[in-house]
Amino acid sequence: MGKGEAASVWIVYMLRCRDDSLYTGITNNLPQRLLRHTGGTASAYTRSRRPVRLVYHERQPTRSAALRREAALRRLSRAAKLALLL
């Protein structure tokens, strides 16, 4: 395993922000990360768009896989992202 790839599950997630935008990220501790987003300490993007709500998440076996999936999701059109939420 590479650096940062401890034997844990990684989560790719999407949040819906107050302005209806979608934020995509990764974490290996989803409850803690959500607390940081709702508290305004996770990212500048979500800090200015609170409240945020978890609308999608999926497990990935490694950090590398999660980063690849995050990049793929970010490249999707808004319509394609919304289709995942159904």
PDB file of N, CA and C in Angstrom:
ATOM      1  N   MET A   1       0.839  -1.187   0.000  1.00  0.00           N
ATOM      2  CA  MET A   1       0.000   0.000   0.000  1.00  0.00           C
ATOM      3  C   MET A   1       0.876   1.239   0.000  1.00  0.00           C
ATOM      4  N   GLY A   2       0.432   2.268  -0.697  1.00  0.00           N
ATOM      5  CA  GLY A   2       1.178   3.514  -0.755  1.00  0.00           C
ATOM      6  C   GLY A   2       0.896   4.387   0.449  1.00  0.00           C
ATOM      7  N   LYS A   3       1.579   5.503   0.508  1.00  0.00           N
ATOM      8  CA  LYS A   3       1.378   6.458   1.605  1.00  0.00           C
ATOM      9  C   LYS A   3      -0.081   6.903   1.644  1.00  0.00           C
ATOM     10  N   GLY A   4      -0.668   6.923   2.821  1.00  0.00           N
ATOM     11  CA  GLY A   4      -2.051   7.360   2.968  1.00  0.00           C
ATOM     12  C   GLY A   4      -3.063   6.297   2.606  1.00  0.00           C
ATOM     13  N   GLU A   5      -2.589   5.056   2.373  1.00  0.00           N
ATOM     14  CA  GLU A   5      -3.504   3.989   1.996  1.00  0.00           C
ATOM     15  C   GLU A   5      -3.558   2.929   3.081  1.00  0.00           C
ATOM     16  N   ALA A   6      -3.858   3.332   4.284  1.00  0.00           N
ATOM     17  CA  ALA A   6      -3.999   2.392   5.386  1.00  0.00           C
ATOM     18  C   ALA A   6      -5.147   1.440   5.080  1.00  0.00           C
ATOM     19  N   ALA A   7      -5.196   0.361   5.817  1.00  0.00           N
ATOM     20  CA  ALA A   7      -6.221  -0.660   5.585  1.00  0.00           C
ATOM     21  C   ALA A   7      -7.580  -0.162   6.075  1.00  0.00           C
ATOM     22  N   SER A   8      -8.103   0.831   5.446  1.00  0.00           N
ATOM     23  CA  SER A   8      -9.413   1.364   5.789  1.00  0.00           C
ATOM     24  C   SER A   8     -10.186   1.591   4.503  1.00  0.00           C
ATOM     25  N   VAL A   9     -11.452   1.780   4.661  1.00  0.00           N
ATOM     26  CA  VAL A   9     -12.306   2.045   3.510  1.00  0.00           C
ATOM     27  C   VAL A   9     -12.351   3.547   3.273  1.00  0.00           C
ATOM     28  N   TRP A  10     -12.288   3.939   2.040  1.00  0.00           N
ATOM     29  CA  TRP A  10     -12.403   5.343   1.662  1.00  0.00           C
ATOM     30  C   TRP A  10     -13.782   5.576   1.071  1.00  0.00           C
ATOM     31  N   ILE A  11     -14.314   6.750   1.299  1.00  0.00           N
ATOM     32  CA  ILE A  11     -15.656   7.119   0.855  1.00  0.00           C
ATOM     33  C   ILE A  11     -15.559   8.310  -0.089  1.00  0.00           C
ATOM     34  N   VAL A  12     -16.213   8.188  -1.232  1.00  0.00           N
ATOM     35  CA  VAL A  12     -16.414   9.322  -2.138  1.00  0.00           C
ATOM     36  C   VAL A  12     -17.827   9.810  -1.850  1.00  0.00           C
ATOM     37  N   TYR A  13     -17.982  11.111  -1.655  1.00  0.00           N
ATOM     38  CA  TYR A  13     -19.290  11.625  -1.258  1.00  0.00           C
ATOM     39  C   TYR A  13     -19.639  12.894  -2.023  1.00  0.00           C
ATOM     40  N   MET A  14     -20.941  13.174  -2.069  1.00  0.00           N
ATOM     41  CA  MET A  14     -21.432  14.428  -2.643  1.00  0.00           C
ATOM     42  C   MET A  14     -22.351  15.098  -1.633  1.00  0.00           C
ATOM     43  N   LEU A  15     -22.193  16.392  -1.535  1.00  0.00           N
ATOM     44  CA  LEU A  15     -23.048  17.217  -0.691  1.00  0.00           C
ATOM     45  C   LEU A  15     -23.854  18.157  -1.575  1.00  0.00           C
ATOM     46  N   ARG A  16     -25.084  18.404  -1.177  1.00  0.00           N
ATOM     47  CA  ARG A  16     -25.870  19.455  -1.829  1.00  0.00           C
ATOM     48  C   ARG A  16     -25.795  20.670  -0.916  1.00  0.00           C
ATOM     49  N   CYS A  17     -25.381  21.777  -1.486  1.00  0.00           N
ATOM     50  CA  CYS A  17     -25.201  23.010  -0.716  1.00  0.00           C
ATOM     51  C   CYS A  17     -26.465  23.864  -0.745  1.00  0.00           C
ATOM     52  N   ARG A  18     -26.474  24.879   0.108  1.00  0.00           N
ATOM     53  CA  ARG A  18     -27.623  25.787   0.218  1.00  0.00           C
ATOM     54  C   ARG A  18     -28.014  26.383  -1.128  1.00  0.00           C
ATOM     55  N   ASP A  19     -27.016  26.684  -1.976  1.00  0.00           N
ATOM     56  CA  ASP A  19     -27.300  27.284  -3.282  1.00  0.00           C
ATOM     57  C   ASP A  19     -27.606  26.236  -4.350  1.00  0.00           C
ATOM     58  N   ASP A  20     -27.836  24.984  -3.938  1.00  0.00           N
ATOM     59  CA  ASP A  20     -28.181  23.857  -4.800  1.00  0.00           C
ATOM     60  C   ASP A  20     -26.987  23.340  -5.610  1.00  0.00           C
ATOM     61  N   SER A  21     -25.790  23.829  -5.334  1.00  0.00           N
ATOM     62  CA  SER A  21     -24.603  23.286  -6.000  1.00  0.00           C
ATOM     63  C   SER A  21     -24.245  21.952  -5.348  1.00  0.00           C
ATOM     64  N   LEU A  22     -23.420  21.175  -6.047  1.00  0.00           N
ATOM     65  CA  LEU A  22     -22.972  19.882  -5.542  1.00  0.00           C
ATOM     66  C   LEU A  22     -21.469  19.928  -5.290  1.00  0.00           C
ATOM     67  N   TYR A  23     -21.065  19.450  -4.142  1.00  0.00           N
ATOM     68  CA  TYR A  23     -19.655  19.392  -3.764  1.00  0.00           C
ATOM     69  C   TYR A  23     -19.265  17.923  -3.671  1.00  0.00           C
ATOM     70  N   THR A  24     -18.146  17.546  -4.274  1.00  0.00           N
ATOM     71  CA  THR A  24     -17.669  16.168  -4.248  1.00  0.00           C
ATOM     72  C   THR A  24     -16.346  16.104  -3.503  1.00  0.00           C
ATOM     73  N   GLY A  25     -16.198  15.106  -2.643  1.00  0.00           N
ATOM     74  CA  GLY A  25     -14.961  14.940  -1.893  1.00  0.00           C
ATOM     75  C   GLY A  25     -14.733  13.495  -1.507  1.00  0.00           C
ATOM     76  N   ILE A  26     -13.613  13.243  -0.821  1.00  0.00           N
ATOM     77  CA  ILE A  26     -13.308  11.907  -0.309  1.00  0.00           C
ATOM     78  C   ILE A  26     -12.930  12.008   1.163  1.00  0.00           C
ATOM     79  N   THR A  27     -13.095  10.899   1.868  1.00  0.00           N
ATOM     80  CA  THR A  27     -12.711  10.820   3.275  1.00  0.00           C
ATOM     81  C   THR A  27     -12.603   9.357   3.685  1.00  0.00           C
ATOM     82  N   ASN A  28     -11.918   9.111   4.777  1.00  0.00           N
ATOM     83  CA  ASN A  28     -11.934   7.767   5.355  1.00  0.00           C
ATOM     84  C   ASN A  28     -12.708   7.764   6.675  1.00  0.00           C
ATOM     85  N   ASN A  29     -13.365   8.887   6.983  1.00  0.00           N
ATOM     86  CA  ASN A  29     -14.195   9.002   8.178  1.00  0.00           C
ATOM     87  C   ASN A  29     -15.357   9.938   7.852  1.00  0.00           C
ATOM     88  N   LEU A  30     -16.409   9.388   7.275  1.00  0.00           N
ATOM     89  CA  LEU A  30     -17.519  10.215   6.792  1.00  0.00           C
ATOM     90  C   LEU A  30     -18.223  10.996   7.908  1.00  0.00           C
ATOM     91  N   PRO A  31     -18.552  10.383   9.046  1.00  0.00           N
ATOM     92  CA  PRO A  31     -19.222  11.179  10.090  1.00  0.00           C
ATOM     93  C   PRO A  31     -18.402  12.393  10.530  1.00  0.00           C
ATOM     94  N   GLN A  32     -17.101  12.202  10.726  1.00  0.00           N
ATOM     95  CA  GLN A  32     -16.247  13.317  11.142  1.00  0.00           C
ATOM     96  C   GLN A  32     -16.170  14.384  10.052  1.00  0.00           C
ATOM     97  N   ARG A  33     -16.042  13.957   8.810  1.00  0.00           N
ATOM     98  CA  ARG A  33     -15.942  14.917   7.704  1.00  0.00           C
ATOM     99  C   ARG A  33     -17.230  15.731   7.576  1.00  0.00           C
ATOM    100  N   LEU A  34     -18.378  15.079   7.733  1.00  0.00           N
ATOM    101  CA  LEU A  34     -19.654  15.803   7.663  1.00  0.00           C
ATOM    102  C   LEU A  34     -19.762  16.833   8.782  1.00  0.00           C
ATOM    103  N   LEU A  35     -19.294  16.472   9.974  1.00  0.00           N
ATOM    104  CA  LEU A  35     -19.295  17.446  11.076  1.00  0.00           C
ATOM    105  C   LEU A  35     -18.432  18.651  10.739  1.00  0.00           C
ATOM    106  N   ARG A  36     -17.294  18.414  10.115  1.00  0.00           N
ATOM    107  CA  ARG A  36     -16.420  19.519   9.731  1.00  0.00           C
ATOM    108  C   ARG A  36     -17.081  20.388   8.659  1.00  0.00           C
ATOM    109  N   HIS A  37     -17.766  19.761   7.694  1.00  0.00           N
ATOM    110  CA  HIS A  37     -18.466  20.548   6.669  1.00  0.00           C
ATOM    111  C   HIS A  37     -19.579  21.384   7.304  1.00  0.00           C
ATOM    112  N   THR A  38     -20.384  20.768   8.158  1.00  0.00           N
ATOM    113  CA  THR A  38     -21.490  21.519   8.757  1.00  0.00           C
ATOM    114  C   THR A  38     -20.990  22.582   9.722  1.00  0.00           C
ATOM    115  N   GLY A  39     -19.808  22.363  10.295  1.00  0.00           N
ATOM    116  CA  GLY A  39     -19.219  23.349  11.194  1.00  0.00           C
ATOM    117  C   GLY A  39     -18.442  24.437  10.484  1.00  0.00           C
ATOM    118  N   GLY A  40     -18.253  24.290   9.179  1.00  0.00           N
ATOM    119  CA  GLY A  40     -17.568  25.318   8.405  1.00  0.00           C
ATOM    120  C   GLY A  40     -16.059  25.226   8.414  1.00  0.00           C
ATOM    121  N   THR A  41     -15.505  24.070   8.825  1.00  0.00           N
ATOM    122  CA  THR A  41     -14.050  23.947   8.892  1.00  0.00           C
ATOM    123  C   THR A  41     -13.470  22.976   7.869  1.00  0.00           C
ATOM    124  N   ALA A  42     -14.284  22.427   6.985  1.00  0.00           N
ATOM    125  CA  ALA A  42     -13.792  21.422   6.035  1.00  0.00           C
ATOM    126  C   ALA A  42     -13.259  22.036   4.746  1.00  0.00           C
ATOM    127  N   SER A  43     -13.972  22.974   4.172  1.00  0.00           N
ATOM    128  CA  SER A  43     -13.525  23.588   2.913  1.00  0.00           C
ATOM    129  C   SER A  43     -14.125  24.979   2.775  1.00  0.00           C
ATOM    130  N   ALA A  44     -13.397  25.834   2.103  1.00  0.00           N
ATOM    131  CA  ALA A  44     -13.888  27.198   1.879  1.00  0.00           C
ATOM    132  C   ALA A  44     -15.159  27.172   1.037  1.00  0.00           C
ATOM    133  N   TYR A  45     -15.221  26.231   0.097  1.00  0.00           N
ATOM    134  CA  TYR A  45     -16.389  26.157  -0.782  1.00  0.00           C
ATOM    135  C   TYR A  45     -17.660  25.909   0.026  1.00  0.00           C
ATOM    136  N   THR A  46     -17.648  24.882   0.865  1.00  0.00           N
ATOM    137  CA  THR A  46     -18.869  24.575   1.612  1.00  0.00           C
ATOM    138  C   THR A  46     -19.098  25.543   2.771  1.00  0.00           C
ATOM    139  N   ARG A  47     -18.047  26.139   3.287  1.00  0.00           N
ATOM    140  CA  ARG A  47     -18.195  27.091   4.399  1.00  0.00           C
ATOM    141  C   ARG A  47     -19.134  28.228   4.013  1.00  0.00           C
ATOM    142  N   SER A  48     -19.018  28.689   2.773  1.00  0.00           N
ATOM    143  CA  SER A  48     -19.840  29.823   2.335  1.00  0.00           C
ATOM    144  C   SER A  48     -21.184  29.387   1.747  1.00  0.00           C
ATOM    145  N   ARG A  49     -21.451  28.090   1.767  1.00  0.00           N
ATOM    146  CA  ARG A  49     -22.695  27.580   1.176  1.00  0.00           C
ATOM    147  C   ARG A  49     -23.470  26.683   2.141  1.00  0.00           C
ATOM    148  N   ARG A  50     -23.264  26.882   3.431  1.00  0.00           N
ATOM    149  CA  ARG A  50     -23.985  26.088   4.420  1.00  0.00           C
ATOM    150  C   ARG A  50     -25.417  26.554   4.526  1.00  0.00           C
ATOM    151  N   PRO A  51     -26.330  25.662   4.899  1.00  0.00           N
ATOM    152  CA  PRO A  51     -26.075  24.290   5.308  1.00  0.00           C
ATOM    153  C   PRO A  51     -25.835  23.370   4.108  1.00  0.00           C
ATOM    154  N   VAL A  52     -25.168  22.262   4.378  1.00  0.00           N
ATOM    155  CA  VAL A  52     -24.924  21.239   3.365  1.00  0.00           C
ATOM    156  C   VAL A  52     -25.606  19.951   3.809  1.00  0.00           C
ATOM    157  N   ARG A  53     -25.932  19.112   2.816  1.00  0.00           N
ATOM    158  CA  ARG A  53     -26.631  17.855   3.110  1.00  0.00           C
ATOM    159  C   ARG A  53     -25.991  16.744   2.293  1.00  0.00           C
ATOM    160  N   LEU A  54     -25.698  15.626   2.923  1.00  0.00           N
ATOM    161  CA  LEU A  54     -25.142  14.470   2.223  1.00  0.00           C
ATOM    162  C   LEU A  54     -26.210  13.891   1.303  1.00  0.00           C
ATOM    163  N   VAL A  55     -25.897  13.774   0.008  1.00  0.00           N
ATOM    164  CA  VAL A  55     -26.873  13.244  -0.939  1.00  0.00           C
ATOM    165  C   VAL A  55     -26.383  11.985  -1.653  1.00  0.00           C
ATOM    166  N   TYR A  56     -25.077  11.666  -1.522  1.00  0.00           N
ATOM    167  CA  TYR A  56     -24.545  10.487  -2.210  1.00  0.00           C
ATOM    168  C   TYR A  56     -23.235  10.086  -1.558  1.00  0.00           C
ATOM    169  N   HIS A  57     -23.018   8.790  -1.451  1.00  0.00           N
ATOM    170  CA  HIS A  57     -21.706   8.291  -1.033  1.00  0.00           C
ATOM    171  C   HIS A  57     -21.515   6.869  -1.533  1.00  0.00           C
ATOM    172  N   GLU A  58     -20.264   6.522  -1.756  1.00  0.00           N
ATOM    173  CA  GLU A  58     -19.922   5.163  -2.172  1.00  0.00           C
ATOM    174  C   GLU A  58     -18.559   4.803  -1.604  1.00  0.00           C
ATOM    175  N   ARG A  59     -18.377   3.531  -1.330  1.00  0.00           N
ATOM    176  CA  ARG A  59     -17.128   3.025  -0.756  1.00  0.00           C
ATOM    177  C   ARG A  59     -16.124   2.721  -1.855  1.00  0.00           C
ATOM    178  N   GLN A  60     -14.860   2.960  -1.544  1.00  0.00           N
ATOM    179  CA  GLN A  60     -13.747   2.600  -2.425  1.00  0.00           C
ATOM    180  C   GLN A  60     -12.698   1.894  -1.569  1.00  0.00           C
ATOM    181  N   PRO A  61     -11.991   0.924  -2.135  1.00  0.00           N
ATOM    182  CA  PRO A  61     -11.063   0.124  -1.328  1.00  0.00           C
ATOM    183  C   PRO A  61      -9.776   0.839  -0.922  1.00  0.00           C
ATOM    184  N   THR A  62      -9.351   1.835  -1.689  1.00  0.00           N
ATOM    185  CA  THR A  62      -8.096   2.535  -1.394  1.00  0.00           C
ATOM    186  C   THR A  62      -8.272   4.031  -1.627  1.00  0.00           C
ATOM    187  N   ARG A  63      -7.334   4.797  -1.087  1.00  0.00           N
ATOM    188  CA  ARG A  63      -7.346   6.245  -1.312  1.00  0.00           C
ATOM    189  C   ARG A  63      -7.171   6.546  -2.796  1.00  0.00           C
ATOM    190  N   SER A  64      -6.294   5.805  -3.459  1.00  0.00           N
ATOM    191  CA  SER A  64      -6.073   6.020  -4.897  1.00  0.00           C
ATOM    192  C   SER A  64      -7.349   5.802  -5.691  1.00  0.00           C
ATOM    193  N   ALA A  65      -8.075   4.737  -5.373  1.00  0.00           N
ATOM    194  CA  ALA A  65      -9.337   4.461  -6.064  1.00  0.00           C
ATOM    195  C   ALA A  65     -10.343   5.569  -5.784  1.00  0.00           C
ATOM    196  N   ALA A  66     -10.372   6.047  -4.551  1.00  0.00           N
ATOM    197  CA  ALA A  66     -11.298   7.124  -4.192  1.00  0.00           C
ATOM    198  C   ALA A  66     -10.966   8.405  -4.946  1.00  0.00           C
ATOM    199  N   LEU A  67      -9.680   8.723  -5.061  1.00  0.00           N
ATOM    200  CA  LEU A  67      -9.274   9.922  -5.803  1.00  0.00           C
ATOM    201  C   LEU A  67      -9.646   9.815  -7.277  1.00  0.00           C
ATOM    202  N   ARG A  68      -9.468   8.635  -7.856  1.00  0.00           N
ATOM    203  CA  ARG A  68      -9.847   8.445  -9.269  1.00  0.00           C
ATOM    204  C   ARG A  68     -11.350   8.602  -9.453  1.00  0.00           C
ATOM    205  N   ARG A  69     -12.124   8.012  -8.544  1.00  0.00           N
ATOM    206  CA  ARG A  69     -13.580   8.101  -8.645  1.00  0.00           C
ATOM    207  C   ARG A  69     -14.055   9.537  -8.418  1.00  0.00           C
ATOM    208  N   GLU A  70     -13.439  10.228  -7.460  1.00  0.00           N
ATOM    209  CA  GLU A  70     -13.780  11.633  -7.215  1.00  0.00           C
ATOM    210  C   GLU A  70     -13.550  12.455  -8.482  1.00  0.00           C
ATOM    211  N   ALA A  71     -12.418  12.251  -9.130  1.00  0.00           N
ATOM    212  CA  ALA A  71     -12.105  12.988 -10.363  1.00  0.00           C
ATOM    213  C   ALA A  71     -13.127  12.671 -11.443  1.00  0.00           C
ATOM    214  N   ALA A  72     -13.512  11.404 -11.550  1.00  0.00           N
ATOM    215  CA  ALA A  72     -14.503  11.012 -12.559  1.00  0.00           C
ATOM    216  C   ALA A  72     -15.850  11.669 -12.275  1.00  0.00           C
ATOM    217  N   LEU A  73     -16.258  11.691 -11.018  1.00  0.00           N
ATOM    218  CA  LEU A  73     -17.537  12.320 -10.670  1.00  0.00           C
ATOM    219  C   LEU A  73     -17.508  13.817 -10.926  1.00  0.00           C
ATOM    220  N   ARG A  74     -16.401  14.453 -10.625  1.00  0.00           N
ATOM    221  CA  ARG A  74     -16.296  15.900 -10.849  1.00  0.00           C
ATOM    222  C   ARG A  74     -16.376  16.254 -12.328  1.00  0.00           C
ATOM    223  N   ARG A  75     -15.956  15.341 -13.191  1.00  0.00           N
ATOM    224  CA  ARG A  75     -16.022  15.601 -14.641  1.00  0.00           C
ATOM    225  C   ARG A  75     -17.428  15.440 -15.210  1.00  0.00           C
ATOM    226  N   LEU A  76     -18.314  14.779 -14.478  1.00  0.00           N
ATOM    227  CA  LEU A  76     -19.674  14.573 -14.968  1.00  0.00           C
ATOM    228  C   LEU A  76     -20.427  15.895 -15.071  1.00  0.00           C
ATOM    229  N   SER A  77     -21.375  15.932 -15.976  1.00  0.00           N
ATOM    230  CA  SER A  77     -22.260  17.095 -16.056  1.00  0.00           C
ATOM    231  C   SER A  77     -23.156  17.112 -14.813  1.00  0.00           C
ATOM    232  N   ARG A  78     -23.744  18.252 -14.550  1.00  0.00           N
ATOM    233  CA  ARG A  78     -24.667  18.338 -13.413  1.00  0.00           C
ATOM    234  C   ARG A  78     -25.807  17.343 -13.576  1.00  0.00           C
ATOM    235  N   ALA A  79     -26.333  17.212 -14.791  1.00  0.00           N
ATOM    236  CA  ALA A  79     -27.437  16.279 -15.039  1.00  0.00           C
ATOM    237  C   ALA A  79     -27.022  14.842 -14.720  1.00  0.00           C
ATOM    238  N   ALA A  80     -25.817  14.473 -15.102  1.00  0.00           N
ATOM    239  CA  ALA A  80     -25.332  13.116 -14.819  1.00  0.00           C
ATOM    240  C   ALA A  80     -25.151  12.907 -13.316  1.00  0.00           C
ATOM    241  N   LYS A  81     -24.665  13.928 -12.628  1.00  0.00           N
ATOM    242  CA  LYS A  81     -24.528  13.822 -11.169  1.00  0.00           C
ATOM    243  C   LYS A  81     -25.898  13.653 -10.519  1.00  0.00           C
ATOM    244  N   LEU A  82     -26.861  14.430 -10.956  1.00  0.00           N
ATOM    245  CA  LEU A  82     -28.205  14.334 -10.383  1.00  0.00           C
ATOM    246  C   LEU A  82     -28.824  12.970 -10.649  1.00  0.00           C
ATOM    247  N   ALA A  83     -28.508  12.358 -11.799  1.00  0.00           N
ATOM    248  CA  ALA A  83     -29.024  11.028 -12.111  1.00  0.00           C
ATOM    249  C   ALA A  83     -28.505   9.990 -11.113  1.00  0.00           C
ATOM    250  N   LEU A  84     -27.304  10.182 -10.594  1.00  0.00           N
ATOM    251  CA  LEU A  84     -26.765   9.269  -9.582  1.00  0.00           C
ATOM    252  C   LEU A  84     -27.567   9.328  -8.289  1.00  0.00           C
ATOM    253  N   LEU A  85     -28.182  10.453  -8.037  1.00  0.00           N
ATOM    254  CA  LEU A  85     -28.886  10.661  -6.777  1.00  0.00           C
ATOM    255  C   LEU A  85     -30.258  10.011  -6.745  1.00  0.00           C
ATOM    256  N   LEU A  86     -30.732   9.560  -7.877  1.00  0.00           N
ATOM    257  CA  LEU A  86     -32.075   8.959  -7.934  1.00  0.00           C
ATOM    258  C   LEU A  86     -32.108   7.561  -7.382  1.00  0.00           C
TER     259      LEU A  86
END
